């Protein structure tokens, strides 16, 4: 089952984000086969304000545990994070569901 993890940064988190980014990337690389989409959320000026991760997990509780394992939590980057079940309808311009 797919889950969308939507995280919003604290306003003053940029330095902490940059410092924790190497650990965050190792965490993502380890999860590689479970990941569908990953990338930053940007503000109107193109600056990072959060992130979205779409991951395949067996259930909501596992998805929540995966989300909380993100090293950005330990680095105090995120202000909020939500985890939602997600259904893919289009991929690469083609309808898949």
PDB file of N, CA and C in Angstrom:
ATOM      1  N   UNK A   1       0.840  -1.166   0.000  1.00  0.00           N
ATOM      2  CA  UNK A   1       0.000   0.000   0.000  1.00  0.00           C
ATOM      3  C   UNK A   1       0.895   1.243   0.000  1.00  0.00           C
ATOM      4  N   UNK A   2       0.460   2.267  -0.734  1.00  0.00           N
ATOM      5  CA  UNK A   2       1.241   3.505  -0.798  1.00  0.00           C
ATOM      6  C   UNK A   2       0.802   4.496   0.274  1.00  0.00           C
ATOM      7  N   UNK A   3       1.777   5.265   0.760  1.00  0.00           N
ATOM      8  CA  UNK A   3       1.529   6.313   1.745  1.00  0.00           C
ATOM      9  C   UNK A   3       2.315   7.547   1.353  1.00  0.00           C
ATOM     10  N   UNK A   4       1.680   8.711   1.498  1.00  0.00           N
ATOM     11  CA  UNK A   4       2.330  10.000   1.267  1.00  0.00           C
ATOM     12  C   UNK A   4       2.690  10.584   2.625  1.00  0.00           C
ATOM     13  N   UNK A   5       3.957  10.895   2.798  1.00  0.00           N
ATOM     14  CA  UNK A   5       4.451  11.524   4.023  1.00  0.00           C
ATOM     15  C   UNK A   5       4.767  12.971   3.659  1.00  0.00           C
ATOM     16  N   UNK A   6       4.027  13.889   4.254  1.00  0.00           N
ATOM     17  CA  UNK A   6       4.188  15.310   3.949  1.00  0.00           C
ATOM     18  C   UNK A   6       4.724  16.000   5.193  1.00  0.00           C
ATOM     19  N   UNK A   7       5.920  16.567   5.061  1.00  0.00           N
ATOM     20  CA  UNK A   7       6.593  17.195   6.195  1.00  0.00           C
ATOM     21  C   UNK A   7       6.827  18.668   5.898  1.00  0.00           C
ATOM     22  N   UNK A   8       6.570  19.507   6.899  1.00  0.00           N
ATOM     23  CA  UNK A   8       6.826  20.950   6.776  1.00  0.00           C
ATOM     24  C   UNK A   8       7.902  21.344   7.777  1.00  0.00           C
ATOM     25  N   UNK A   9       8.865  22.108   7.288  1.00  0.00           N
ATOM     26  CA  UNK A   9       9.991  22.520   8.114  1.00  0.00           C
ATOM     27  C   UNK A   9       9.619  23.631   9.091  1.00  0.00           C
ATOM     28  N   UNK A  10      10.359  23.679  10.169  1.00  0.00           N
ATOM     29  CA  UNK A  10      10.299  24.832  11.060  1.00  0.00           C
ATOM     30  C   UNK A  10      10.916  26.024  10.326  1.00  0.00           C
ATOM     31  N   UNK A  11      10.475  27.234  10.618  1.00  0.00           N
ATOM     32  CA  UNK A  11      10.987  28.404   9.891  1.00  0.00           C
ATOM     33  C   UNK A  11      12.504  28.584   9.960  1.00  0.00           C
ATOM     34  N   UNK A  12      13.122  28.165  11.053  1.00  0.00           N
ATOM     35  CA  UNK A  12      14.559  28.393  11.246  1.00  0.00           C
ATOM     36  C   UNK A  12      15.389  27.119  11.050  1.00  0.00           C
ATOM     37  N   UNK A  13      14.910  26.186  10.222  1.00  0.00           N
ATOM     38  CA  UNK A  13      15.505  24.854  10.165  1.00  0.00           C
ATOM     39  C   UNK A  13      16.566  24.648   9.089  1.00  0.00           C
ATOM     40  N   UNK A  14      16.835  25.638   8.261  1.00  0.00           N
ATOM     41  CA  UNK A  14      17.712  25.406   7.111  1.00  0.00           C
ATOM     42  C   UNK A  14      19.092  24.868   7.506  1.00  0.00           C
ATOM     43  N   UNK A  15      19.746  25.468   8.475  1.00  0.00           N
ATOM     44  CA  UNK A  15      21.083  25.001   8.873  1.00  0.00           C
ATOM     45  C   UNK A  15      21.030  23.577   9.414  1.00  0.00           C
ATOM     46  N   UNK A  16      20.012  23.264  10.218  1.00  0.00           N
ATOM     47  CA  UNK A  16      19.865  21.908  10.755  1.00  0.00           C
ATOM     48  C   UNK A  16      19.572  20.921   9.623  1.00  0.00           C
ATOM     49  N   UNK A  17      18.761  21.341   8.652  1.00  0.00           N
ATOM     50  CA  UNK A  17      18.454  20.491   7.503  1.00  0.00           C
ATOM     51  C   UNK A  17      19.734  20.157   6.741  1.00  0.00           C
ATOM     52  N   UNK A  18      20.530  21.167   6.458  1.00  0.00           N
ATOM     53  CA  UNK A  18      21.766  20.945   5.704  1.00  0.00           C
ATOM     54  C   UNK A  18      22.723  20.033   6.465  1.00  0.00           C
ATOM     55  N   UNK A  19      22.817  20.206   7.769  1.00  0.00           N
ATOM     56  CA  UNK A  19      23.710  19.378   8.581  1.00  0.00           C
ATOM     57  C   UNK A  19      23.246  17.918   8.619  1.00  0.00           C
ATOM     58  N   UNK A  20      21.937  17.695   8.626  1.00  0.00           N
ATOM     59  CA  UNK A  20      21.389  16.340   8.727  1.00  0.00           C
ATOM     60  C   UNK A  20      21.194  15.670   7.370  1.00  0.00           C
ATOM     61  N   UNK A  21      21.359  16.417   6.299  1.00  0.00           N
ATOM     62  CA  UNK A  21      21.068  15.890   4.962  1.00  0.00           C
ATOM     63  C   UNK A  21      21.857  14.617   4.629  1.00  0.00           C
ATOM     64  N   UNK A  22      23.145  14.502   4.951  1.00  0.00           N
ATOM     65  CA  UNK A  22      23.841  13.242   4.638  1.00  0.00           C
ATOM     66  C   UNK A  22      23.184  12.022   5.293  1.00  0.00           C
ATOM     67  N   UNK A  23      22.791  12.132   6.562  1.00  0.00           N
ATOM     68  CA  UNK A  23      22.105  11.016   7.236  1.00  0.00           C
ATOM     69  C   UNK A  23      20.749  10.752   6.597  1.00  0.00           C
ATOM     70  N   UNK A  24      20.047  11.817   6.230  1.00  0.00           N
ATOM     71  CA  UNK A  24      18.740  11.692   5.585  1.00  0.00           C
ATOM     72  C   UNK A  24      18.881  10.922   4.269  1.00  0.00           C
ATOM     73  N   UNK A  25      19.913  11.235   3.485  1.00  0.00           N
ATOM     74  CA  UNK A  25      20.107  10.556   2.208  1.00  0.00           C
ATOM     75  C   UNK A  25      20.458   9.084   2.400  1.00  0.00           C
ATOM     76  N   UNK A  26      21.234   8.762   3.424  1.00  0.00           N
ATOM     77  CA  UNK A  26      21.543   7.354   3.733  1.00  0.00           C
ATOM     78  C   UNK A  26      20.257   6.618   4.092  1.00  0.00           C
ATOM     79  N   UNK A  27      19.406   7.261   4.893  1.00  0.00           N
ATOM     80  CA  UNK A  27      18.111   6.670   5.278  1.00  0.00           C
ATOM     81  C   UNK A  27      17.260   6.410   4.040  1.00  0.00           C
ATOM     82  N   UNK A  28      17.195   7.362   3.120  1.00  0.00           N
ATOM     83  CA  UNK A  28      16.423   7.184   1.895  1.00  0.00           C
ATOM     84  C   UNK A  28      17.016   6.085   1.018  1.00  0.00           C
ATOM     85  N   UNK A  29      18.340   6.065   0.880  1.00  0.00           N
ATOM     86  CA  UNK A  29      18.973   5.041   0.050  1.00  0.00           C
ATOM     87  C   UNK A  29      18.707   3.644   0.597  1.00  0.00           C
ATOM     88  N   UNK A  30      18.693   3.497   1.911  1.00  0.00           N
ATOM     89  CA  UNK A  30      18.397   2.198   2.524  1.00  0.00           C
ATOM     90  C   UNK A  30      16.963   1.766   2.247  1.00  0.00           C
ATOM     91  N   UNK A  31      16.068   2.727   2.096  1.00  0.00           N
ATOM     92  CA  UNK A  31      14.653   2.441   1.838  1.00  0.00           C
ATOM     93  C   UNK A  31      14.343   2.343   0.351  1.00  0.00           C
ATOM     94  N   UNK A  32      15.361   2.481  -0.494  1.00  0.00           N
ATOM     95  CA  UNK A  32      15.206   2.572  -1.938  1.00  0.00           C
ATOM     96  C   UNK A  32      14.069   1.796  -2.566  1.00  0.00           C
ATOM     97  N   UNK A  33      13.984   0.476  -2.393  1.00  0.00           N
ATOM     98  CA  UNK A  33      12.921  -0.278  -3.061  1.00  0.00           C
ATOM     99  C   UNK A  33      11.505   0.100  -2.615  1.00  0.00           C
ATOM    100  N   UNK A  34      11.386   0.689  -1.433  1.00  0.00           N
ATOM    101  CA  UNK A  34      10.058   1.075  -0.923  1.00  0.00           C
ATOM    102  C   UNK A  34       9.627   2.462  -1.395  1.00  0.00           C
ATOM    103  N   UNK A  35      10.535   3.218  -2.004  1.00  0.00           N
ATOM    104  CA  UNK A  35      10.242   4.602  -2.368  1.00  0.00           C
ATOM    105  C   UNK A  35       9.680   4.704  -3.776  1.00  0.00           C
ATOM    106  N   UNK A  36       8.651   5.547  -3.930  1.00  0.00           N
ATOM    107  CA  UNK A  36       8.090   5.829  -5.247  1.00  0.00           C
ATOM    108  C   UNK A  36       8.469   7.220  -5.724  1.00  0.00           C
ATOM    109  N   UNK A  37       8.265   8.210  -4.863  1.00  0.00           N
ATOM    110  CA  UNK A  37       8.573   9.608  -5.177  1.00  0.00           C
ATOM    111  C   UNK A  37       9.151  10.249  -3.928  1.00  0.00           C
ATOM    112  N   UNK A  38      10.161  11.070  -4.105  1.00  0.00           N
ATOM    113  CA  UNK A  38      10.742  11.800  -2.986  1.00  0.00           C
ATOM    114  C   UNK A  38      11.239  13.140  -3.516  1.00  0.00           C
ATOM    115  N   UNK A  39      10.934  14.204  -2.783  1.00  0.00           N
ATOM    116  CA  UNK A  39      11.464  15.492  -3.189  1.00  0.00           C
ATOM    117  C   UNK A  39      11.042  16.599  -2.248  1.00  0.00           C
ATOM    118  N   UNK A  40      11.655  17.767  -2.461  1.00  0.00           N
ATOM    119  CA  UNK A  40      11.363  18.908  -1.588  1.00  0.00           C
ATOM    120  C   UNK A  40      10.065  19.608  -1.959  1.00  0.00           C
ATOM    121  N   UNK A  41       9.454  20.205  -0.960  1.00  0.00           N
ATOM    122  CA  UNK A  41       8.368  21.162  -1.172  1.00  0.00           C
ATOM    123  C   UNK A  41       9.017  22.534  -1.186  1.00  0.00           C
ATOM    124  N   UNK A  42       8.664  23.353  -2.152  1.00  0.00           N
ATOM    125  CA  UNK A  42       9.310  24.654  -2.313  1.00  0.00           C
ATOM    126  C   UNK A  42       8.327  25.787  -2.067  1.00  0.00           C
ATOM    127  N   UNK A  43       8.853  26.907  -1.551  1.00  0.00           N
ATOM    128  CA  UNK A  43       8.024  28.097  -1.394  1.00  0.00           C
ATOM    129  C   UNK A  43       8.016  28.891  -2.698  1.00  0.00           C
ATOM    130  N   UNK A  44       7.388  30.047  -2.678  1.00  0.00           N
ATOM    131  CA  UNK A  44       7.246  30.874  -3.875  1.00  0.00           C
ATOM    132  C   UNK A  44       8.590  31.343  -4.434  1.00  0.00           C
ATOM    133  N   UNK A  45       9.614  31.374  -3.588  1.00  0.00           N
ATOM    134  CA  UNK A  45      10.942  31.802  -4.015  1.00  0.00           C
ATOM    135  C   UNK A  45      11.844  30.624  -4.392  1.00  0.00           C
ATOM    136  N   UNK A  46      11.297  29.426  -4.395  1.00  0.00           N
ATOM    137  CA  UNK A  46      12.085  28.248  -4.739  1.00  0.00           C
ATOM    138  C   UNK A  46      12.907  27.694  -3.602  1.00  0.00           C
ATOM    139  N   UNK A  47      12.677  28.182  -2.384  1.00  0.00           N
ATOM    140  CA  UNK A  47      13.417  27.693  -1.220  1.00  0.00           C
ATOM    141  C   UNK A  47      12.665  26.523  -0.584  1.00  0.00           C
ATOM    142  N   UNK A  48      13.435  25.576  -0.093  1.00  0.00           N
ATOM    143  CA  UNK A  48      12.823  24.393   0.500  1.00  0.00           C
ATOM    144  C   UNK A  48      12.063  24.747   1.765  1.00  0.00           C
ATOM    145  N   UNK A  49      10.837  24.204   1.857  1.00  0.00           N
ATOM    146  CA  UNK A  49       9.993  24.434   3.030  1.00  0.00           C
ATOM    147  C   UNK A  49       9.495  23.141   3.651  1.00  0.00           C
ATOM    148  N   UNK A  50       9.899  22.023   3.066  1.00  0.00           N
ATOM    149  CA  UNK A  50       9.472  20.721   3.559  1.00  0.00           C
ATOM    150  C   UNK A  50       9.793  19.655   2.549  1.00  0.00           C
ATOM    151  N   UNK A  51       9.102  18.521   2.673  1.00  0.00           N
ATOM    152  CA  UNK A  51       9.362  17.430   1.743  1.00  0.00           C
ATOM    153  C   UNK A  51       8.149  16.525   1.627  1.00  0.00           C
ATOM    154  N   UNK A  52       8.159  15.753   0.547  1.00  0.00           N
ATOM    155  CA  UNK A  52       7.142  14.726   0.353  1.00  0.00           C
ATOM    156  C   UNK A  52       7.846  13.424   0.003  1.00  0.00           C
ATOM    157  N   UNK A  53       7.380  12.363   0.635  1.00  0.00           N
ATOM    158  CA  UNK A  53       7.889  11.027   0.367  1.00  0.00           C
ATOM    159  C   UNK A  53       6.674  10.149   0.119  1.00  0.00           C
ATOM    160  N   UNK A  54       6.642   9.481  -1.018  1.00  0.00           N
ATOM    161  CA  UNK A  54       5.603   8.486  -1.269  1.00  0.00           C
ATOM    162  C   UNK A  54       6.304   7.137  -1.205  1.00  0.00           C
ATOM    163  N   UNK A  55       5.860   6.319  -0.277  1.00  0.00           N
ATOM    164  CA  UNK A  55       6.521   5.055   0.021  1.00  0.00           C
ATOM    165  C   UNK A  55       5.512   3.915   0.066  1.00  0.00           C
ATOM    166  N   UNK A  56       5.992   2.748  -0.258  1.00  0.00           N
ATOM    167  CA  UNK A  56       5.158   1.552  -0.150  1.00  0.00           C
ATOM    168  C   UNK A  56       5.447   0.903   1.194  1.00  0.00           C
ATOM    169  N   UNK A  57       4.396   0.727   1.983  1.00  0.00           N
ATOM    170  CA  UNK A  57       4.498   0.138   3.319  1.00  0.00           C
ATOM    171  C   UNK A  57       3.320  -0.804   3.514  1.00  0.00           C
ATOM    172  N   UNK A  58       3.426  -1.778   4.409  1.00  0.00           N
ATOM    173  CA  UNK A  58       2.331  -2.734   4.578  1.00  0.00           C
ATOM    174  C   UNK A  58       1.073  -2.155   5.215  1.00  0.00           C
ATOM    175  N   UNK A  59       1.237  -1.112   6.067  1.00  0.00           N
ATOM    176  CA  UNK A  59       0.069  -0.546   6.744  1.00  0.00           C
ATOM    177  C   UNK A  59       0.420   0.841   7.287  1.00  0.00           C
ATOM    178  N   UNK A  60      -0.593   1.527   7.788  1.00  0.00           N
ATOM    179  CA  UNK A  60      -0.418   2.899   8.263  1.00  0.00           C
ATOM    180  C   UNK A  60       0.560   2.987   9.429  1.00  0.00           C
ATOM    181  N   UNK A  61       0.483   2.081  10.371  1.00  0.00           N
ATOM    182  CA  UNK A  61       1.379   2.152  11.531  1.00  0.00           C
ATOM    183  C   UNK A  61       2.842   1.993  11.110  1.00  0.00           C
ATOM    184  N   UNK A  62       3.107   1.107  10.175  1.00  0.00           N
ATOM    185  CA  UNK A  62       4.466   0.934   9.673  1.00  0.00           C
ATOM    186  C   UNK A  62       4.919   2.181   8.929  1.00  0.00           C
ATOM    187  N   UNK A  63       4.023   2.779   8.158  1.00  0.00           N
ATOM    188  CA  UNK A  63       4.347   4.017   7.433  1.00  0.00           C
ATOM    189  C   UNK A  63       4.665   5.149   8.410  1.00  0.00           C
ATOM    190  N   UNK A  64       3.899   5.241   9.489  1.00  0.00           N
ATOM    191  CA  UNK A  64       4.160   6.272  10.499  1.00  0.00           C
ATOM    192  C   UNK A  64       5.515   6.047  11.173  1.00  0.00           C
ATOM    193  N   UNK A  65       5.832   4.801  11.484  1.00  0.00           N
ATOM    194  CA  UNK A  65       7.129   4.490  12.101  1.00  0.00           C
ATOM    195  C   UNK A  65       8.267   4.814  11.141  1.00  0.00           C
ATOM    196  N   UNK A  66       8.083   4.499   9.868  1.00  0.00           N
ATOM    197  CA  UNK A  66       9.084   4.835   8.859  1.00  0.00           C
ATOM    198  C   UNK A  66       9.291   6.342   8.814  1.00  0.00           C
ATOM    199  N   UNK A  67       8.207   7.103   8.812  1.00  0.00           N
ATOM    200  CA  UNK A  67       8.290   8.568   8.754  1.00  0.00           C
ATOM    201  C   UNK A  67       9.035   9.131   9.967  1.00  0.00           C
ATOM    202  N   UNK A  68       8.773   8.595  11.127  1.00  0.00           N
ATOM    203  CA  UNK A  68       9.427   9.088  12.346  1.00  0.00           C
ATOM    204  C   UNK A  68      10.902   8.694  12.422  1.00  0.00           C
ATOM    205  N   UNK A  69      11.332   7.755  11.599  1.00  0.00           N
ATOM    206  CA  UNK A  69      12.737   7.351  11.576  1.00  0.00           C
ATOM    207  C   UNK A  69      13.597   8.294  10.726  1.00  0.00           C
ATOM    208  N   UNK A  70      12.967   9.238  10.036  1.00  0.00           N
ATOM    209  CA  UNK A  70      13.710  10.197   9.212  1.00  0.00           C
ATOM    210  C   UNK A  70      14.676  10.977  10.104  1.00  0.00           C
ATOM    211  N   UNK A  71      15.961  11.008   9.774  1.00  0.00           N
ATOM    212  CA  UNK A  71      16.936  11.752  10.585  1.00  0.00           C
ATOM    213  C   UNK A  71      16.610  13.238  10.744  1.00  0.00           C
ATOM    214  N   UNK A  72      15.786  13.793   9.894  1.00  0.00           N
ATOM    215  CA  UNK A  72      15.400  15.192  10.064  1.00  0.00           C
ATOM    216  C   UNK A  72      14.607  15.408  11.350  1.00  0.00           C
ATOM    217  N   UNK A  73      13.928  14.378  11.856  1.00  0.00           N
ATOM    218  CA  UNK A  73      13.247  14.514  13.153  1.00  0.00           C
ATOM    219  C   UNK A  73      14.269  14.706  14.268  1.00  0.00           C
ATOM    220  N   UNK A  74      15.284  13.855  14.275  1.00  0.00           N
ATOM    221  CA  UNK A  74      16.319  13.958  15.301  1.00  0.00           C
ATOM    222  C   UNK A  74      17.020  15.311  15.242  1.00  0.00           C
ATOM    223  N   UNK A  75      17.142  15.866  14.044  1.00  0.00           N
ATOM    224  CA  UNK A  75      17.809  17.155  13.859  1.00  0.00           C
ATOM    225  C   UNK A  75      16.872  18.337  14.100  1.00  0.00           C
ATOM    226  N   UNK A  76      15.628  18.073  14.493  1.00  0.00           N
ATOM    227  CA  UNK A  76      14.653  19.122  14.817  1.00  0.00           C
ATOM    228  C   UNK A  76      14.355  20.030  13.617  1.00  0.00           C
ATOM    229  N   UNK A  77      14.209  19.409  12.442  1.00  0.00           N
ATOM    230  CA  UNK A  77      13.917  20.149  11.215  1.00  0.00           C
ATOM    231  C   UNK A  77      12.421  20.354  11.026  1.00  0.00           C
ATOM    232  N   UNK A  78      11.624  19.327  11.291  1.00  0.00           N
ATOM    233  CA  UNK A  78      10.204  19.366  10.967  1.00  0.00           C
ATOM    234  C   UNK A  78       9.358  20.047  12.037  1.00  0.00           C
ATOM    235  N   UNK A  79       8.436  20.874  11.581  1.00  0.00           N
ATOM    236  CA  UNK A  79       7.408  21.441  12.457  1.00  0.00           C
ATOM    237  C   UNK A  79       6.224  20.495  12.517  1.00  0.00           C
ATOM    238  N   UNK A  80       5.840  19.953  11.350  1.00  0.00           N
ATOM    239  CA  UNK A  80       4.699  19.040  11.268  1.00  0.00           C
ATOM    240  C   UNK A  80       4.994  17.948  10.265  1.00  0.00           C
ATOM    241  N   UNK A  81       4.266  16.858  10.422  1.00  0.00           N
ATOM    242  CA  UNK A  81       4.359  15.756   9.473  1.00  0.00           C
ATOM    243  C   UNK A  81       3.046  14.996   9.497  1.00  0.00           C
ATOM    244  N   UNK A  82       2.525  14.703   8.314  1.00  0.00           N
ATOM    245  CA  UNK A  82       1.314  13.888   8.211  1.00  0.00           C
ATOM    246  C   UNK A  82       1.603  12.696   7.312  1.00  0.00           C
ATOM    247  N   UNK A  83       0.898  11.612   7.578  1.00  0.00           N
ATOM    248  CA  UNK A  83       1.037  10.392   6.790  1.00  0.00           C
ATOM    249  C   UNK A  83      -0.360  10.002   6.324  1.00  0.00           C
ATOM    250  N   UNK A  84      -0.512   9.866   5.011  1.00  0.00           N
ATOM    251  CA  UNK A  84      -1.820   9.563   4.422  1.00  0.00           C
ATOM    252  C   UNK A  84      -1.701   8.377   3.476  1.00  0.00           C
ATOM    253  N   UNK A  85      -2.715   7.512   3.477  1.00  0.00           N
ATOM    254  CA  UNK A  85      -2.783   6.495   2.433  1.00  0.00           C
ATOM    255  C   UNK A  85      -2.885   7.224   1.099  1.00  0.00           C
ATOM    256  N   UNK A  86      -2.286   6.646   0.069  1.00  0.00           N
ATOM    257  CA  UNK A  86      -2.180   7.306  -1.233  1.00  0.00           C
ATOM    258  C   UNK A  86      -2.492   6.286  -2.316  1.00  0.00           C
ATOM    259  N   UNK A  87      -3.295   6.698  -3.288  1.00  0.00           N
ATOM    260  CA  UNK A  87      -3.589   5.823  -4.424  1.00  0.00           C
ATOM    261  C   UNK A  87      -3.090   6.489  -5.693  1.00  0.00           C
ATOM    262  N   UNK A  88      -2.215   5.822  -6.376  1.00  0.00           N
ATOM    263  CA  UNK A  88      -1.665   6.331  -7.628  1.00  0.00           C
ATOM    264  C   UNK A  88      -2.686   6.101  -8.748  1.00  0.00           C
ATOM    265  N   UNK A  89      -2.966   7.144  -9.513  1.00  0.00           N
ATOM    266  CA  UNK A  89      -3.899   7.049 -10.630  1.00  0.00           C
ATOM    267  C   UNK A  89      -3.169   7.229 -11.960  1.00  0.00           C
ATOM    268  N   UNK A  90      -2.196   8.148 -12.001  1.00  0.00           N
ATOM    269  CA  UNK A  90      -1.384   8.369 -13.194  1.00  0.00           C
ATOM    270  C   UNK A  90       0.095   8.240 -12.834  1.00  0.00           C
ATOM    271  N   UNK A  91       0.887   7.671 -13.734  1.00  0.00           N
ATOM    272  CA  UNK A  91       2.336   7.593 -13.585  1.00  0.00           C
ATOM    273  C   UNK A  91       2.945   7.843 -14.952  1.00  0.00           C
ATOM    274  N   UNK A  92       3.872   8.783 -15.004  1.00  0.00           N
ATOM    275  CA  UNK A  92       4.561   9.103 -16.261  1.00  0.00           C
ATOM    276  C   UNK A  92       3.583   9.402 -17.394  1.00  0.00           C
ATOM    277  N   UNK A  93       2.488  10.083 -17.063  1.00  0.00           N
ATOM    278  CA  UNK A  93       1.511  10.486 -18.057  1.00  0.00           C
ATOM    279  C   UNK A  93       0.520   9.417 -18.461  1.00  0.00           C
ATOM    280  N   UNK A  94       0.627   8.249 -17.869  1.00  0.00           N
ATOM    281  CA  UNK A  94      -0.265   7.146 -18.215  1.00  0.00           C
ATOM    282  C   UNK A  94      -1.140   6.774 -17.034  1.00  0.00           C
ATOM    283  N   UNK A  95      -2.393   6.505 -17.323  1.00  0.00           N
ATOM    284  CA  UNK A  95      -3.312   6.065 -16.267  1.00  0.00           C
ATOM    285  C   UNK A  95      -2.969   4.652 -15.848  1.00  0.00           C
ATOM    286  N   UNK A  96      -2.808   4.457 -14.535  1.00  0.00           N
ATOM    287  CA  UNK A  96      -2.445   3.135 -14.009  1.00  0.00           C
ATOM    288  C   UNK A  96      -3.545   2.537 -13.125  1.00  0.00           C
ATOM    289  N   UNK A  97      -4.561   3.325 -12.848  1.00  0.00           N
ATOM    290  CA  UNK A  97      -5.663   2.811 -12.023  1.00  0.00           C
ATOM    291  C   UNK A  97      -6.970   3.447 -12.451  1.00  0.00           C
TER     292      UNK A  97
END
